[in-house]
PDB file of N, CA and C in Angstrom:
ATOM      1  N   MET A   1     137.608 -34.444 137.420  1.00  0.00           N
ATOM      2  CA  MET A   1     136.796 -35.596 137.741  1.00  0.00           C
ATOM      3  C   MET A   1     135.967 -35.378 138.998  1.00  0.00           C
ATOM      4  N   LYS A   2     136.517 -34.633 139.966  1.00  0.00           N
ATOM      5  CA  LYS A   2     135.768 -34.421 141.210  1.00  0.00           C
ATOM      6  C   LYS A   2     134.566 -33.508 140.997  1.00  0.00           C
ATOM      7  N   GLY A   3     134.618 -32.693 139.973  1.00  0.00           N
ATOM      8  CA  GLY A   3     133.520 -31.766 139.709  1.00  0.00           C
ATOM      9  C   GLY A   3     132.264 -32.456 139.206  1.00  0.00           C
ATOM     10  N   ILE A   4     132.432 -33.556 138.499  1.00  0.00           N
ATOM     11  CA  ILE A   4     131.276 -34.264 137.934  1.00  0.00           C
ATOM     12  C   ILE A   4     130.403 -34.871 139.028  1.00  0.00           C
ATOM     13  N   PRO A   5     130.961 -35.631 139.994  1.00  0.00           N
ATOM     14  CA  PRO A   5     130.086 -36.165 141.055  1.00  0.00           C
ATOM     15  C   PRO A   5     129.413 -35.056 141.867  1.00  0.00           C
ATOM     16  N   MET A   6     130.112 -33.960 142.102  1.00  0.00           N
ATOM     17  CA  MET A   6     129.543 -32.859 142.858  1.00  0.00           C
ATOM     18  C   MET A   6     128.395 -32.213 142.070  1.00  0.00           C
ATOM     19  N   ALA A   7     128.574 -32.071 140.767  1.00  0.00           N
ATOM     20  CA  ALA A   7     127.517 -31.505 139.925  1.00  0.00           C
ATOM     21  C   ALA A   7     126.302 -32.434 139.895  1.00  0.00           C
ATOM     22  N   LEU A   8     126.537 -33.730 139.807  1.00  0.00           N
ATOM     23  CA  LEU A   8     125.430 -34.683 139.826  1.00  0.00           C
ATOM     24  C   LEU A   8     124.681 -34.649 141.155  1.00  0.00           C
ATOM     25  N   LEU A   9     125.420 -34.535 142.244  1.00  0.00           N
ATOM     26  CA  LEU A   9     124.794 -34.437 143.557  1.00  0.00           C
ATOM     27  C   LEU A   9     123.930 -33.188 143.651  1.00  0.00           C
ATOM     28  N   LEU A  10     124.445 -32.069 143.205  1.00  0.00           N
ATOM     29  CA  LEU A  10     123.708 -30.808 143.231  1.00  0.00           C
ATOM     30  C   LEU A  10     122.457 -30.896 142.353  1.00  0.00           C
ATOM     31  N   LEU A  11     122.599 -31.468 141.165  1.00  0.00           N
ATOM     32  CA  LEU A  11     121.469 -31.624 140.261  1.00  0.00           C
ATOM     33  C   LEU A  11     120.405 -32.533 140.868  1.00  0.00           C
ATOM     34  N   THR A  12     120.826 -33.596 141.532  1.00  0.00           N
ATOM     35  CA  THR A  12     119.891 -34.510 142.190  1.00  0.00           C
ATOM     36  C   THR A  12     119.141 -33.809 143.311  1.00  0.00           C
ATOM     37  N   LEU A  13     119.843 -33.012 144.104  1.00  0.00           N
ATOM     38  CA  LEU A  13     119.196 -32.280 145.197  1.00  0.00           C
ATOM     39  C   LEU A  13     118.157 -31.291 144.676  1.00  0.00           C
ATOM     40  N   VAL A  14     118.475 -30.603 143.593  1.00  0.00           N
ATOM     41  CA  VAL A  14     117.535 -29.648 143.005  1.00  0.00           C
ATOM     42  C   VAL A  14     116.302 -30.384 142.476  1.00  0.00           C
ATOM     43  N   ALA A  15     116.525 -31.517 141.812  1.00  0.00           N
ATOM     44  CA  ALA A  15     115.404 -32.291 141.273  1.00  0.00           C
ATOM     45  C   ALA A  15     114.503 -32.808 142.387  1.00  0.00           C
ATOM     46  N   VAL A  16     115.081 -33.295 143.472  1.00  0.00           N
ATOM     47  CA  VAL A  16     114.294 -33.811 144.592  1.00  0.00           C
ATOM     48  C   VAL A  16     113.494 -32.693 145.241  1.00  0.00           C
ATOM     49  N   ALA A  17     114.109 -31.528 145.427  1.00  0.00           N
ATOM     50  CA  ALA A  17     113.411 -30.391 146.031  1.00  0.00           C
ATOM     51  C   ALA A  17     112.244 -29.943 145.152  1.00  0.00           C
ATOM     52  N   SER A  18     112.440 -29.927 143.845  1.00  0.00           N
ATOM     53  CA  SER A  18     111.366 -29.539 142.930  1.00  0.00           C
ATOM     54  C   SER A  18     110.229 -30.542 142.976  1.00  0.00           C
ATOM     55  N   PHE A  19     110.560 -31.823 143.017  1.00  0.00           N
ATOM     56  CA  PHE A  19     109.542 -32.860 143.064  1.00  0.00           C
ATOM     57  C   PHE A  19     108.743 -32.758 144.355  1.00  0.00           C
ATOM     58  N   GLN A  20     109.388 -32.451 145.458  1.00  0.00           N
ATOM     59  CA  GLN A  20     108.683 -32.331 146.738  1.00  0.00           C
ATOM     60  C   GLN A  20     107.698 -31.171 146.708  1.00  0.00           C
ATOM     61  N   ASP A  21     108.065 -30.065 146.069  1.00  0.00           N
ATOM     62  CA  ASP A  21     107.144 -28.930 145.950  1.00  0.00           C
ATOM     63  C   ASP A  21     105.929 -29.310 145.123  1.00  0.00           C
ATOM     64  N   ILE A  22     106.139 -30.012 144.025  1.00  0.00           N
ATOM     65  CA  ILE A  22     105.029 -30.430 143.172  1.00  0.00           C
ATOM     66  C   ILE A  22     104.143 -31.423 143.915  1.00  0.00           C
ATOM     67  N   ALA A  23     104.755 -32.345 144.629  1.00  0.00           N
ATOM     68  CA  ALA A  23     103.990 -33.343 145.381  1.00  0.00           C
ATOM     69  C   ALA A  23     103.173 -32.679 146.489  1.00  0.00           C
ATOM     70  N   ALA A  24     103.716 -31.642 147.127  1.00  0.00           N
ATOM     71  CA  ALA A  24     102.992 -30.946 148.196  1.00  0.00           C
ATOM     72  C   ALA A  24     101.753 -30.258 147.644  1.00  0.00           C
ATOM     73  N   VAL A  25     101.873 -29.653 146.470  1.00  0.00           N
ATOM     74  CA  VAL A  25     100.721 -28.995 145.849  1.00  0.00           C
ATOM     75  C   VAL A  25      99.688 -30.038 145.443  1.00  0.00           C
ATOM     76  N   ALA A  26     100.149 -31.142 144.868  1.00  0.00           N
ATOM     77  CA  ALA A  26      99.221 -32.192 144.431  1.00  0.00           C
ATOM     78  C   ALA A  26      98.511 -32.840 145.618  1.00  0.00           C
ATOM     79  N   ALA A  27      99.205 -32.950 146.742  1.00  0.00           N
ATOM     80  CA  ALA A  27      98.606 -33.573 147.917  1.00  0.00           C
ATOM     81  C   ALA A  27      97.652 -32.633 148.637  1.00  0.00           C
ATOM     82  N   GLY A  28      97.658 -31.364 148.261  1.00  0.00           N
ATOM     83  CA  GLY A  28      96.726 -30.425 148.858  1.00  0.00           C
ATOM     84  C   GLY A  28      97.249 -29.757 150.117  1.00  0.00           C
ATOM     85  N   SER A  29      98.533 -29.895 150.389  1.00  0.00           N
ATOM     86  CA  SER A  29      99.049 -29.302 151.607  1.00  0.00           C
ATOM     87  C   SER A  29      99.454 -27.840 151.419  1.00  0.00           C
ATOM     88  N   ALA A  30      99.680 -27.425 150.190  1.00  0.00           N
ATOM     89  CA  ALA A  30     100.068 -26.044 149.935  1.00  0.00           C
ATOM     90  C   ALA A  30      98.844 -25.266 149.449  1.00  0.00           C
ATOM     91  N   PRO A  31      98.618 -24.070 149.993  1.00  0.00           N
ATOM     92  CA  PRO A  31      97.465 -23.281 149.536  1.00  0.00           C
ATOM     93  C   PRO A  31      97.676 -22.775 148.112  1.00  0.00           C
ATOM     94  N   VAL A  32      96.590 -22.636 147.388  1.00  0.00           N
ATOM     95  CA  VAL A  32      96.639 -22.131 146.020  1.00  0.00           C
ATOM     96  C   VAL A  32      96.571 -20.608 146.080  1.00  0.00           C
ATOM     97  N   PRO A  33      97.530 -19.915 145.453  1.00  0.00           N
ATOM     98  CA  PRO A  33      97.497 -18.449 145.482  1.00  0.00           C
ATOM     99  C   PRO A  33      96.247 -17.897 144.790  1.00  0.00           C
ATOM    100  N   ASN A  34      95.750 -16.772 145.278  1.00  0.00           N
ATOM    101  CA  ASN A  34      94.556 -16.139 144.709  1.00  0.00           C
ATOM    102  C   ASN A  34      94.732 -15.813 143.232  1.00  0.00           C
ATOM    103  N   GLU A  35      95.956 -15.473 142.816  1.00  0.00           N
ATOM    104  CA  GLU A  35      96.198 -15.120 141.415  1.00  0.00           C
ATOM    105  C   GLU A  35      95.928 -16.312 140.504  1.00  0.00           C
ATOM    106  N   VAL A  36      96.263 -17.509 140.985  1.00  0.00           N
ATOM    107  CA  VAL A  36      96.039 -18.720 140.193  1.00  0.00           C
ATOM    108  C   VAL A  36      94.545 -18.948 140.012  1.00  0.00           C
ATOM    109  N   CYS A  37      93.798 -18.875 141.109  1.00  0.00           N
ATOM    110  CA  CYS A  37      92.348 -19.085 141.032  1.00  0.00           C
ATOM    111  C   CYS A  37      91.675 -17.981 140.228  1.00  0.00           C
ATOM    112  N   ASP A  38      92.129 -16.753 140.369  1.00  0.00           N
ATOM    113  CA  ASP A  38      91.547 -15.640 139.621  1.00  0.00           C
ATOM    114  C   ASP A  38      91.689 -15.884 138.127  1.00  0.00           C
ATOM    115  N   ALA A  39      92.878 -16.296 137.707  1.00  0.00           N
ATOM    116  CA  ALA A  39      93.111 -16.558 136.284  1.00  0.00           C
ATOM    117  C   ALA A  39      92.280 -17.740 135.791  1.00  0.00           C
ATOM    118  N   LYS A  40      92.166 -18.781 136.609  1.00  0.00           N
ATOM    119  CA  LYS A  40      91.413 -19.966 136.201  1.00  0.00           C
ATOM    120  C   LYS A  40      89.912 -19.716 136.177  1.00  0.00           C
ATOM    121  N   CYS A  41      89.411 -18.810 137.003  1.00  0.00           N
ATOM    122  CA  CYS A  41      87.965 -18.549 137.086  1.00  0.00           C
ATOM    123  C   CYS A  41      87.471 -17.574 136.021  1.00  0.00           C
ATOM    124  N   ARG A  42      88.350 -16.839 135.396  1.00  0.00           N
ATOM    125  CA  ARG A  42      87.920 -15.855 134.393  1.00  0.00           C
ATOM    126  C   ARG A  42      87.210 -16.503 133.208  1.00  0.00           C
ATOM    127  N   SER A  43      87.735 -17.615 132.727  1.00  0.00           N
ATOM    128  CA  SER A  43      87.129 -18.270 131.573  1.00  0.00           C
ATOM    129  C   SER A  43      85.756 -18.870 131.887  1.00  0.00           C
ATOM    130  N   PRO A  44      85.612 -19.681 132.951  1.00  0.00           N
ATOM    131  CA  PRO A  44      84.288 -20.234 133.238  1.00  0.00           C
ATOM    132  C   PRO A  44      83.247 -19.165 133.555  1.00  0.00           C
ATOM    133  N   CYS A  45      83.667 -18.016 134.067  1.00  0.00           N
ATOM    134  CA  CYS A  45      82.722 -16.960 134.453  1.00  0.00           C
ATOM    135  C   CYS A  45      82.560 -15.896 133.378  1.00  0.00           C
ATOM    136  N   SER A  46      83.160 -16.097 132.212  1.00  0.00           N
ATOM    137  CA  SER A  46      83.140 -15.063 131.178  1.00  0.00           C
ATOM    138  C   SER A  46      81.740 -14.772 130.638  1.00  0.00           C
ATOM    139  N   LEU A  47      80.838 -15.746 130.653  1.00  0.00           N
ATOM    140  CA  LEU A  47      79.501 -15.541 130.101  1.00  0.00           C
ATOM    141  C   LEU A  47      78.423 -15.396 131.169  1.00  0.00           C
ATOM    142  N   LYS A  48      78.830 -15.286 132.425  1.00  0.00           N
ATOM    143  CA  LYS A  48      77.858 -15.237 133.525  1.00  0.00           C
ATOM    144  C   LYS A  48      78.001 -13.935 134.287  1.00  0.00           C
ATOM    145  N   LYS A  49      77.138 -13.736 135.262  1.00  0.00           N
ATOM    146  CA  LYS A  49      77.232 -12.569 136.132  1.00  0.00           C
ATOM    147  C   LYS A  49      78.554 -12.639 136.870  1.00  0.00           C
ATOM    148  N   ALA A  50      79.447 -11.736 136.560  1.00  0.00           N
ATOM    149  CA  ALA A  50      80.827 -11.837 137.024  1.00  0.00           C
ATOM    150  C   ALA A  50      80.967 -11.879 138.539  1.00  0.00           C
ATOM    151  N   GLY A  51      80.275 -11.044 139.277  1.00  0.00           N
ATOM    152  CA  GLY A  51      80.469 -10.958 140.722  1.00  0.00           C
ATOM    153  C   GLY A  51      80.162 -12.249 141.445  1.00  0.00           C
ATOM    154  N   ARG A  52      78.977 -12.774 141.258  1.00  0.00           N
ATOM    155  CA  ARG A  52      78.581 -14.002 141.949  1.00  0.00           C
ATOM    156  C   ARG A  52      79.380 -15.202 141.444  1.00  0.00           C
ATOM    157  N   CYS A  53      79.532 -15.314 140.153  1.00  0.00           N
ATOM    158  CA  CYS A  53      80.261 -16.443 139.580  1.00  0.00           C
ATOM    159  C   CYS A  53      81.714 -16.448 140.063  1.00  0.00           C
ATOM    160  N   MET A  54      82.367 -15.305 140.007  1.00  0.00           N
ATOM    161  CA  MET A  54      83.771 -15.240 140.424  1.00  0.00           C
ATOM    162  C   MET A  54      83.915 -15.570 141.905  1.00  0.00           C
ATOM    163  N   GLY A  55      83.009 -15.075 142.736  1.00  0.00           N
ATOM    164  CA  GLY A  55      83.088 -15.356 144.172  1.00  0.00           C
ATOM    165  C   GLY A  55      82.963 -16.840 144.467  1.00  0.00           C
ATOM    166  N   LEU A  56      81.968 -17.482 143.836  1.00  0.00           N
ATOM    167  CA  LEU A  56      81.772 -18.920 144.047  1.00  0.00           C
ATOM    168  C   LEU A  56      82.926 -19.722 143.458  1.00  0.00           C
ATOM    169  N   CYS A  57      83.367 -19.331 142.285  1.00  0.00           N
ATOM    170  CA  CYS A  57      84.468 -20.042 141.641  1.00  0.00           C
ATOM    171  C   CYS A  57      85.745 -19.933 142.469  1.00  0.00           C
ATOM    172  N   MET A  58      86.013 -18.756 143.001  1.00  0.00           N
ATOM    173  CA  MET A  58      87.220 -18.563 143.818  1.00  0.00           C
ATOM    174  C   MET A  58      87.172 -19.459 145.059  1.00  0.00           C
ATOM    175  N   MET A  59      86.003 -19.552 145.701  1.00  0.00           N
ATOM    176  CA  MET A  59      85.881 -20.418 146.884  1.00  0.00           C
ATOM    177  C   MET A  59      86.110 -21.878 146.502  1.00  0.00           C
ATOM    178  N   ARG A  60      85.481 -22.304 145.422  1.00  0.00           N
ATOM    179  CA  ARG A  60      85.621 -23.690 144.990  1.00  0.00           C
ATOM    180  C   ARG A  60      87.055 -23.987 144.558  1.00  0.00           C
ATOM    181  N   CYS A  61      87.671 -23.069 143.842  1.00  0.00           N
ATOM    182  CA  CYS A  61      89.043 -23.239 143.375  1.00  0.00           C
ATOM    183  C   CYS A  61      89.986 -23.423 144.557  1.00  0.00           C
ATOM    184  N   THR A  62      89.827 -22.598 145.578  1.00  0.00           N
ATOM    185  CA  THR A  62      90.672 -22.699 146.767  1.00  0.00           C
ATOM    186  C   THR A  62      90.442 -24.028 147.474  1.00  0.00           C
ATOM    187  N   ASP A  63      89.194 -24.423 147.629  1.00  0.00           N
ATOM    188  CA  ASP A  63      88.872 -25.690 148.294  1.00  0.00           C
ATOM    189  C   ASP A  63      89.356 -26.895 147.501  1.00  0.00           C
ATOM    190  N   CYS A  64      89.370 -26.788 146.186  1.00  0.00           N
ATOM    191  CA  CYS A  64      89.715 -27.915 145.313  1.00  0.00           C
ATOM    192  C   CYS A  64      91.162 -27.847 144.822  1.00  0.00           C
ATOM    193  N   GLN A  65      91.983 -27.093 145.500  1.00  0.00           N
ATOM    194  CA  GLN A  65      93.410 -26.993 145.181  1.00  0.00           C
ATOM    195  C   GLN A  65      93.675 -26.562 143.744  1.00  0.00           C
ATOM    196  N   GLY A  66      92.885 -25.597 143.256  1.00  0.00           N
ATOM    197  CA  GLY A  66      93.131 -25.004 141.951  1.00  0.00           C
ATOM    198  C   GLY A  66      92.473 -25.706 140.782  1.00  0.00           C
ATOM    199  N   CYS A  67      91.670 -26.711 141.040  1.00  0.00           N
ATOM    200  CA  CYS A  67      90.997 -27.418 139.950  1.00  0.00           C
ATOM    201  C   CYS A  67      89.703 -26.687 139.600  1.00  0.00           C
ATOM    202  N   VAL A  68      89.640 -26.175 138.357  1.00  0.00           N
ATOM    203  CA  VAL A  68      88.474 -25.442 137.870  1.00  0.00           C
ATOM    204  C   VAL A  68      88.213 -25.905 136.441  1.00  0.00           C
ATOM    205  N   PRO A  69      86.958 -26.137 136.046  1.00  0.00           N
ATOM    206  CA  PRO A  69      86.676 -26.495 134.653  1.00  0.00           C
ATOM    207  C   PRO A  69      87.236 -25.437 133.699  1.00  0.00           C
ATOM    208  N   SER A  70      87.616 -25.854 132.510  1.00  0.00           N
ATOM    209  CA  SER A  70      88.370 -24.989 131.603  1.00  0.00           C
ATOM    210  C   SER A  70      87.576 -23.881 130.916  1.00  0.00           C
ATOM    211  N   GLY A  71      86.270 -23.917 130.900  1.00  0.00           N
ATOM    212  CA  GLY A  71      85.520 -22.862 130.229  1.00  0.00           C
ATOM    213  C   GLY A  71      84.066 -22.857 130.631  1.00  0.00           C
ATOM    214  N   PRO A  72      83.279 -21.891 130.083  1.00  0.00           N
ATOM    215  CA  PRO A  72      81.876 -21.779 130.477  1.00  0.00           C
ATOM    216  C   PRO A  72      81.038 -22.998 130.089  1.00  0.00           C
ATOM    217  N   TYR A  73      81.423 -23.708 129.056  1.00  0.00           N
ATOM    218  CA  TYR A  73      80.666 -24.880 128.622  1.00  0.00           C
ATOM    219  C   TYR A  73      81.424 -26.186 128.876  1.00  0.00           C
ATOM    220  N   ALA A  74      82.497 -26.113 129.656  1.00  0.00           N
ATOM    221  CA  ALA A  74      83.304 -27.304 129.940  1.00  0.00           C
ATOM    222  C   ALA A  74      82.554 -28.248 130.872  1.00  0.00           C
ATOM    223  N   SER A  75      82.873 -29.505 130.762  1.00  0.00           N
ATOM    224  CA  SER A  75      82.261 -30.508 131.624  1.00  0.00           C
ATOM    225  C   SER A  75      82.763 -30.340 133.053  1.00  0.00           C
ATOM    226  N   LYS A  76      81.846 -30.358 133.994  1.00  0.00           N
ATOM    227  CA  LYS A  76      82.227 -30.251 135.404  1.00  0.00           C
ATOM    228  C   LYS A  76      82.981 -31.501 135.857  1.00  0.00           C
ATOM    229  N   ASP A  77      82.929 -32.564 135.047  1.00  0.00           N
ATOM    230  CA  ASP A  77      83.649 -33.790 135.387  1.00  0.00           C
ATOM    231  C   ASP A  77      85.165 -33.614 135.311  1.00  0.00           C
ATOM    232  N   GLU A  78      85.637 -32.507 134.722  1.00  0.00           N
ATOM    233  CA  GLU A  78      87.071 -32.220 134.705  1.00  0.00           C
ATOM    234  C   GLU A  78      87.601 -32.106 136.136  1.00  0.00           C
ATOM    235  N   CYS A  79      86.769 -31.614 137.034  1.00  0.00           N
ATOM    236  CA  CYS A  79      87.158 -31.410 138.432  1.00  0.00           C
ATOM    237  C   CYS A  79      86.046 -31.939 139.338  1.00  0.00           C
ATOM    238  N   PRO A  80      86.120 -33.200 139.731  1.00  0.00           N
ATOM    239  CA  PRO A  80      85.061 -33.775 140.571  1.00  0.00           C
ATOM    240  C   PRO A  80      84.837 -32.999 141.868  1.00  0.00           C
ATOM    241  N   CYS A  81      85.891 -32.506 142.478  1.00  0.00           N
ATOM    242  CA  CYS A  81      85.756 -31.736 143.716  1.00  0.00           C
ATOM    243  C   CYS A  81      84.911 -30.487 143.457  1.00  0.00           C
ATOM    244  N   TYR A  82      85.201 -29.799 142.374  1.00  0.00           N
ATOM    245  CA  TYR A  82      84.486 -28.569 142.008  1.00  0.00           C
ATOM    246  C   TYR A  82      83.016 -28.887 141.763  1.00  0.00           C
ATOM    247  N   LYS A  83      82.755 -29.981 141.064  1.00  0.00           N
ATOM    248  CA  LYS A  83      81.391 -30.378 140.718  1.00  0.00           C
ATOM    249  C   LYS A  83      80.568 -30.693 141.969  1.00  0.00           C
ATOM    250  N   ASP A  84      81.195 -31.305 142.962  1.00  0.00           N
ATOM    251  CA  ASP A  84      80.488 -31.748 144.162  1.00  0.00           C
ATOM    252  C   ASP A  84      80.242 -30.637 145.180  1.00  0.00           C
ATOM    253  N   LYS A  85      80.875 -29.497 145.015  1.00  0.00           N
ATOM    254  CA  LYS A  85      80.660 -28.379 145.941  1.00  0.00           C
ATOM    255  C   LYS A  85      79.273 -27.788 145.713  1.00  0.00           C
ATOM    256  N   LYS A  86      78.624 -27.433 146.773  1.00  0.00           N
ATOM    257  CA  LYS A  86      77.291 -26.829 146.688  1.00  0.00           C
ATOM    258  C   LYS A  86      77.405 -25.326 146.874  1.00  0.00           C
ATOM    259  N   SER A  87      76.561 -24.594 146.164  1.00  0.00           N
ATOM    260  CA  SER A  87      76.523 -23.137 146.326  1.00  0.00           C
ATOM    261  C   SER A  87      75.824 -22.811 147.641  1.00  0.00           C
ATOM    262  N   PRO A  88      76.236 -21.719 148.297  1.00  0.00           N
ATOM    263  CA  PRO A  88      75.553 -21.326 149.524  1.00  0.00           C
ATOM    264  C   PRO A  88      74.095 -20.941 149.231  1.00  0.00           C
ATOM    265  N   ASN A  89      73.208 -21.282 150.146  1.00  0.00           N
ATOM    266  CA  ASN A  89      71.782 -20.968 149.956  1.00  0.00           C
ATOM    267  C   ASN A  89      71.543 -19.478 150.131  1.00  0.00           C
ATOM    268  N   ARG A  90      70.656 -18.973 149.337  1.00  0.00           N
ATOM    269  CA  ARG A  90      70.269 -17.555 149.469  1.00  0.00           C
ATOM    270  C   ARG A  90      69.255 -17.434 150.581  1.00  0.00           C
ATOM    271  N   LEU A  91      69.349 -16.390 151.358  1.00  0.00           N
ATOM    272  CA  LEU A  91      68.388 -16.148 152.445  1.00  0.00           C
ATOM    273  C   LEU A  91      67.268 -15.260 151.968  1.00  0.00           C
TER     274      LEU A  91
END
């Protein structure tokens, strides 16, 4: 009988810790790893000049906490932060 309350306590602690990690990412306090942005940017940049598109997408992805439109023809409204970012001006 003593094992059940202890197991429930342990399970609750694990669930709370997992939720806090997810909440931290959603709140924007945790940086998005480059691998995540690289994978997300491959699809939207698949039909464009890879170098420039990937560079801009990676910057936007990092700034927008990993939110990137799902494909080359996807609506930019999927990620309002991504849509509102401006490309750097060419000199």
